[in-house]
Amino acid sequence: MERPVYRFLHLLFALGSLHLLWLVGLEVKRTQELRGEINSTRAQVTHLEARLARLADEVAAAQTSEYRDALVRRMGYVRKDELLVPSAP
């Protein structure tokens, strides 16, 4: 015949096993969530790097003298000895 203490130990072992199984499931869920966050962050970094490259190209284009000359002319300025001819409506 089984002693009552062994029944308690078996119950304690079963509860401990269930708790361990629950903790493992929780860690698997956390790992999947973190992997999803890592993937979305990597995609965001890639997007931001592409945007940075485009902005760097725009800055490089704005540093040229042709761009500055065109910008100044759009503002209505002319060079010395040039006449501003208004465009016809």
N, C-alpha and C. Protein backbone atom coordinates (compact mmCIF):
# COMPACT_ATOMS: atom_id res chain seq x y z
N MET A 1 0.83 -1.17 0.00
CA MET A 1 0.00 0.00 0.00
C MET A 1 0.88 1.25 0.00
N GLU A 2 0.42 2.27 -0.76
CA GLU A 2 1.21 3.49 -0.91
C GLU A 2 1.03 4.38 0.30
N ARG A 3 2.12 5.03 0.63
CA ARG A 3 2.05 5.98 1.74
C ARG A 3 1.49 7.31 1.27
N PRO A 4 0.82 8.05 2.13
CA PRO A 4 0.27 9.35 1.74
C PRO A 4 1.36 10.35 1.33
N VAL A 5 2.54 10.22 1.86
CA VAL A 5 3.62 11.16 1.53
C VAL A 5 4.00 11.01 0.07
N TYR A 6 4.02 9.78 -0.44
CA TYR A 6 4.38 9.56 -1.84
C TYR A 6 3.32 10.15 -2.78
N ARG A 7 2.06 10.08 -2.40
CA ARG A 7 1.01 10.70 -3.20
C ARG A 7 1.24 12.21 -3.30
N PHE A 8 1.61 12.81 -2.19
CA PHE A 8 1.90 14.25 -2.18
C PHE A 8 3.10 14.56 -3.07
N LEU A 9 4.13 13.73 -3.01
CA LEU A 9 5.31 13.96 -3.84
C LEU A 9 4.98 13.79 -5.32
N HIS A 10 4.13 12.80 -5.64
CA HIS A 10 3.72 12.63 -7.04
C HIS A 10 2.92 13.84 -7.53
N LEU A 11 2.03 14.32 -6.68
CA LEU A 11 1.26 15.52 -7.03
C LEU A 11 2.18 16.72 -7.22
N LEU A 12 3.13 16.88 -6.32
CA LEU A 12 4.10 17.98 -6.42
C LEU A 12 4.93 17.87 -7.69
N PHE A 13 5.35 16.66 -8.04
CA PHE A 13 6.11 16.45 -9.27
C PHE A 13 5.26 16.79 -10.49
N ALA A 14 3.98 16.39 -10.50
CA ALA A 14 3.10 16.67 -11.63
C ALA A 14 2.88 18.17 -11.77
N LEU A 15 2.65 18.86 -10.65
CA LEU A 15 2.46 20.31 -10.71
C LEU A 15 3.73 21.01 -11.17
N GLY A 16 4.87 20.56 -10.71
CA GLY A 16 6.15 21.14 -11.14
C GLY A 16 6.37 20.93 -12.62
N SER A 17 6.00 19.75 -13.14
CA SER A 17 6.15 19.46 -14.57
C SER A 17 5.24 20.37 -15.40
N LEU A 18 4.00 20.55 -14.94
CA LEU A 18 3.08 21.44 -15.64
C LEU A 18 3.60 22.88 -15.63
N HIS A 19 4.13 23.29 -14.51
CA HIS A 19 4.69 24.65 -14.41
C HIS A 19 5.87 24.81 -15.36
N LEU A 20 6.73 23.83 -15.43
CA LEU A 20 7.88 23.87 -16.33
C LEU A 20 7.41 23.93 -17.78
N LEU A 21 6.40 23.14 -18.12
CA LEU A 21 5.86 23.15 -19.48
C LEU A 21 5.28 24.52 -19.81
N TRP A 22 4.58 25.14 -18.87
CA TRP A 22 4.01 26.46 -19.08
C TRP A 22 5.12 27.50 -19.29
N LEU A 23 6.20 27.41 -18.49
CA LEU A 23 7.30 28.35 -18.64
C LEU A 23 8.00 28.19 -19.98
N VAL A 24 8.17 26.98 -20.44
CA VAL A 24 8.80 26.74 -21.75
C VAL A 24 7.93 27.33 -22.85
N GLY A 25 6.62 27.12 -22.76
CA GLY A 25 5.71 27.70 -23.76
C GLY A 25 5.76 29.21 -23.75
N LEU A 26 5.84 29.80 -22.57
CA LEU A 26 5.93 31.25 -22.47
C LEU A 26 7.22 31.78 -23.11
N GLU A 27 8.32 31.08 -22.89
CA GLU A 27 9.59 31.51 -23.48
C GLU A 27 9.59 31.35 -25.00
N VAL A 28 8.93 30.31 -25.50
CA VAL A 28 8.81 30.14 -26.95
C VAL A 28 8.01 31.30 -27.54
N LYS A 29 6.94 31.67 -26.87
CA LYS A 29 6.12 32.80 -27.34
C LYS A 29 6.92 34.09 -27.33
N ARG A 30 7.67 34.32 -26.26
CA ARG A 30 8.50 35.54 -26.19
C ARG A 30 9.55 35.56 -27.28
N THR A 31 10.14 34.41 -27.55
CA THR A 31 11.17 34.32 -28.59
C THR A 31 10.58 34.67 -29.95
N GLN A 32 9.39 34.14 -30.24
CA GLN A 32 8.74 34.46 -31.52
C GLN A 32 8.41 35.94 -31.62
N GLU A 33 7.93 36.54 -30.55
CA GLU A 33 7.62 37.97 -30.57
C GLU A 33 8.89 38.80 -30.79
N LEU A 34 9.97 38.42 -30.12
CA LEU A 34 11.22 39.16 -30.28
C LEU A 34 11.77 39.03 -31.69
N ARG A 35 11.65 37.83 -32.27
CA ARG A 35 12.10 37.66 -33.66
C ARG A 35 11.29 38.53 -34.60
N GLY A 36 9.99 38.63 -34.37
CA GLY A 36 9.16 39.51 -35.18
C GLY A 36 9.57 40.96 -35.05
N GLU A 37 9.85 41.39 -33.83
CA GLU A 37 10.30 42.77 -33.61
C GLU A 37 11.65 43.02 -34.26
N ILE A 38 12.54 42.04 -34.18
CA ILE A 38 13.86 42.18 -34.80
C ILE A 38 13.71 42.31 -36.31
N ASN A 39 12.86 41.50 -36.91
CA ASN A 39 12.66 41.57 -38.37
C ASN A 39 12.06 42.90 -38.78
N SER A 40 11.08 43.39 -38.03
CA SER A 40 10.49 44.68 -38.39
C SER A 40 11.49 45.82 -38.19
N THR A 41 12.32 45.72 -37.17
CA THR A 41 13.34 46.75 -36.94
C THR A 41 14.38 46.72 -38.05
N ARG A 42 14.76 45.53 -38.49
CA ARG A 42 15.71 45.44 -39.61
C ARG A 42 15.13 46.05 -40.87
N ALA A 43 13.85 45.80 -41.13
CA ALA A 43 13.21 46.39 -42.30
C ALA A 43 13.17 47.90 -42.18
N GLN A 44 12.90 48.40 -40.99
CA GLN A 44 12.87 49.85 -40.78
C GLN A 44 14.27 50.45 -40.96
N VAL A 45 15.30 49.76 -40.50
CA VAL A 45 16.67 50.25 -40.68
C VAL A 45 17.02 50.29 -42.16
N THR A 46 16.63 49.26 -42.90
CA THR A 46 16.90 49.24 -44.34
C THR A 46 16.20 50.41 -45.03
N HIS A 47 14.95 50.66 -44.65
CA HIS A 47 14.21 51.78 -45.22
C HIS A 47 14.89 53.11 -44.89
N LEU A 48 15.33 53.27 -43.65
CA LEU A 48 15.97 54.52 -43.25
C LEU A 48 17.33 54.70 -43.93
N GLU A 49 18.05 53.60 -44.15
CA GLU A 49 19.34 53.70 -44.86
C GLU A 49 19.12 54.13 -46.31
N ALA A 50 18.06 53.60 -46.94
CA ALA A 50 17.76 54.01 -48.32
C ALA A 50 17.37 55.49 -48.35
N ARG A 51 16.59 55.92 -47.36
CA ARG A 51 16.21 57.34 -47.30
C ARG A 51 17.43 58.22 -47.08
N LEU A 52 18.35 57.78 -46.23
CA LEU A 52 19.57 58.53 -45.98
C LEU A 52 20.40 58.64 -47.25
N ALA A 53 20.46 57.58 -48.04
CA ALA A 53 21.21 57.62 -49.29
C ALA A 53 20.58 58.62 -50.26
N ARG A 54 19.24 58.62 -50.33
CA ARG A 54 18.57 59.59 -51.21
C ARG A 54 18.83 61.02 -50.76
N LEU A 55 18.78 61.25 -49.45
CA LEU A 55 19.03 62.60 -48.94
C LEU A 55 20.48 63.02 -49.18
N ALA A 56 21.40 62.08 -49.04
CA ALA A 56 22.80 62.39 -49.31
C ALA A 56 22.99 62.77 -50.78
N ASP A 57 22.27 62.07 -51.68
CA ASP A 57 22.34 62.43 -53.09
C ASP A 57 21.77 63.82 -53.34
N GLU A 58 20.68 64.16 -52.65
CA GLU A 58 20.11 65.50 -52.80
C GLU A 58 21.05 66.57 -52.28
N VAL A 59 21.71 66.30 -51.18
CA VAL A 59 22.67 67.27 -50.64
C VAL A 59 23.85 67.44 -51.59
N ALA A 60 24.32 66.33 -52.15
CA ALA A 60 25.43 66.42 -53.10
C ALA A 60 25.01 67.21 -54.34
N ALA A 61 23.77 67.01 -54.80
CA ALA A 61 23.30 67.75 -55.97
C ALA A 61 23.14 69.23 -55.63
N ALA A 62 22.75 69.54 -54.41
CA ALA A 62 22.55 70.94 -54.02
C ALA A 62 23.88 71.67 -53.86
N GLN A 63 24.96 70.96 -53.75
CA GLN A 63 26.27 71.59 -53.58
C GLN A 63 26.88 72.03 -54.92
N THR A 64 26.28 71.63 -56.03
CA THR A 64 26.86 72.01 -57.32
C THR A 64 26.51 73.46 -57.65
N SER A 65 27.37 74.06 -58.44
CA SER A 65 27.15 75.47 -58.79
C SER A 65 25.97 75.62 -59.75
N GLU A 66 25.71 74.61 -60.58
CA GLU A 66 24.57 74.68 -61.50
C GLU A 66 23.25 74.72 -60.72
N TYR A 67 23.15 73.93 -59.69
CA TYR A 67 21.92 73.91 -58.88
C TYR A 67 21.71 75.27 -58.20
N ARG A 68 22.78 75.79 -57.61
CA ARG A 68 22.66 77.08 -56.94
C ARG A 68 22.32 78.19 -57.92
N ASP A 69 22.90 78.13 -59.11
CA ASP A 69 22.61 79.14 -60.13
C ASP A 69 21.13 79.06 -60.55
N ALA A 70 20.63 77.85 -60.75
CA ALA A 70 19.22 77.69 -61.12
C ALA A 70 18.30 78.16 -60.00
N LEU A 71 18.67 77.89 -58.77
CA LEU A 71 17.86 78.31 -57.63
C LEU A 71 17.81 79.83 -57.52
N VAL A 72 18.94 80.47 -57.71
CA VAL A 72 19.00 81.93 -57.64
C VAL A 72 18.19 82.56 -58.76
N ARG A 73 18.24 81.97 -59.95
CA ARG A 73 17.47 82.50 -61.08
C ARG A 73 15.97 82.33 -60.83
N ARG A 74 15.55 81.21 -60.20
CA ARG A 74 14.13 81.04 -59.88
C ARG A 74 13.66 82.07 -58.87
N MET A 75 14.59 82.56 -58.06
CA MET A 75 14.23 83.58 -57.08
C MET A 75 14.16 84.96 -57.72
N GLY A 76 14.58 85.08 -59.00
CA GLY A 76 14.44 86.34 -59.71
C GLY A 76 15.72 87.15 -59.81
N TYR A 77 16.82 86.62 -59.33
CA TYR A 77 18.07 87.35 -59.42
C TYR A 77 18.71 87.14 -60.79
N VAL A 78 19.46 88.14 -61.23
CA VAL A 78 20.18 88.05 -62.51
C VAL A 78 21.64 88.40 -62.25
N ARG A 79 22.44 88.04 -63.21
CA ARG A 79 23.87 88.36 -63.11
C ARG A 79 24.10 89.81 -63.53
N LYS A 80 25.30 90.25 -63.25
CA LYS A 80 25.66 91.61 -63.63
C LYS A 80 25.60 91.72 -65.15
N ASP A 81 25.07 92.81 -65.62
CA ASP A 81 24.91 93.10 -67.05
C ASP A 81 23.89 92.23 -67.74
N GLU A 82 23.00 91.55 -67.02
CA GLU A 82 21.91 90.78 -67.63
C GLU A 82 20.60 91.52 -67.39
N LEU A 83 19.68 91.35 -68.32
CA LEU A 83 18.36 91.97 -68.18
C LEU A 83 17.35 90.86 -67.87
N LEU A 84 16.44 91.17 -67.01
CA LEU A 84 15.39 90.24 -66.66
C LEU A 84 14.23 90.46 -67.64
N VAL A 85 13.93 89.48 -68.44
CA VAL A 85 12.85 89.60 -69.40
C VAL A 85 11.64 88.89 -68.82
N PRO A 86 10.56 89.61 -68.57
CA PRO A 86 9.39 88.96 -68.02
C PRO A 86 8.75 88.04 -69.06
N SER A 87 8.23 86.94 -68.58
CA SER A 87 7.59 85.99 -69.49
C SER A 87 6.18 86.46 -69.80
N ALA A 88 5.73 86.17 -71.01
CA ALA A 88 4.40 86.60 -71.44
C ALA A 88 3.35 85.71 -70.80
N PRO A 89 2.19 86.30 -70.42
CA PRO A 89 1.14 85.49 -69.78
C PRO A 89 0.43 84.57 -70.73
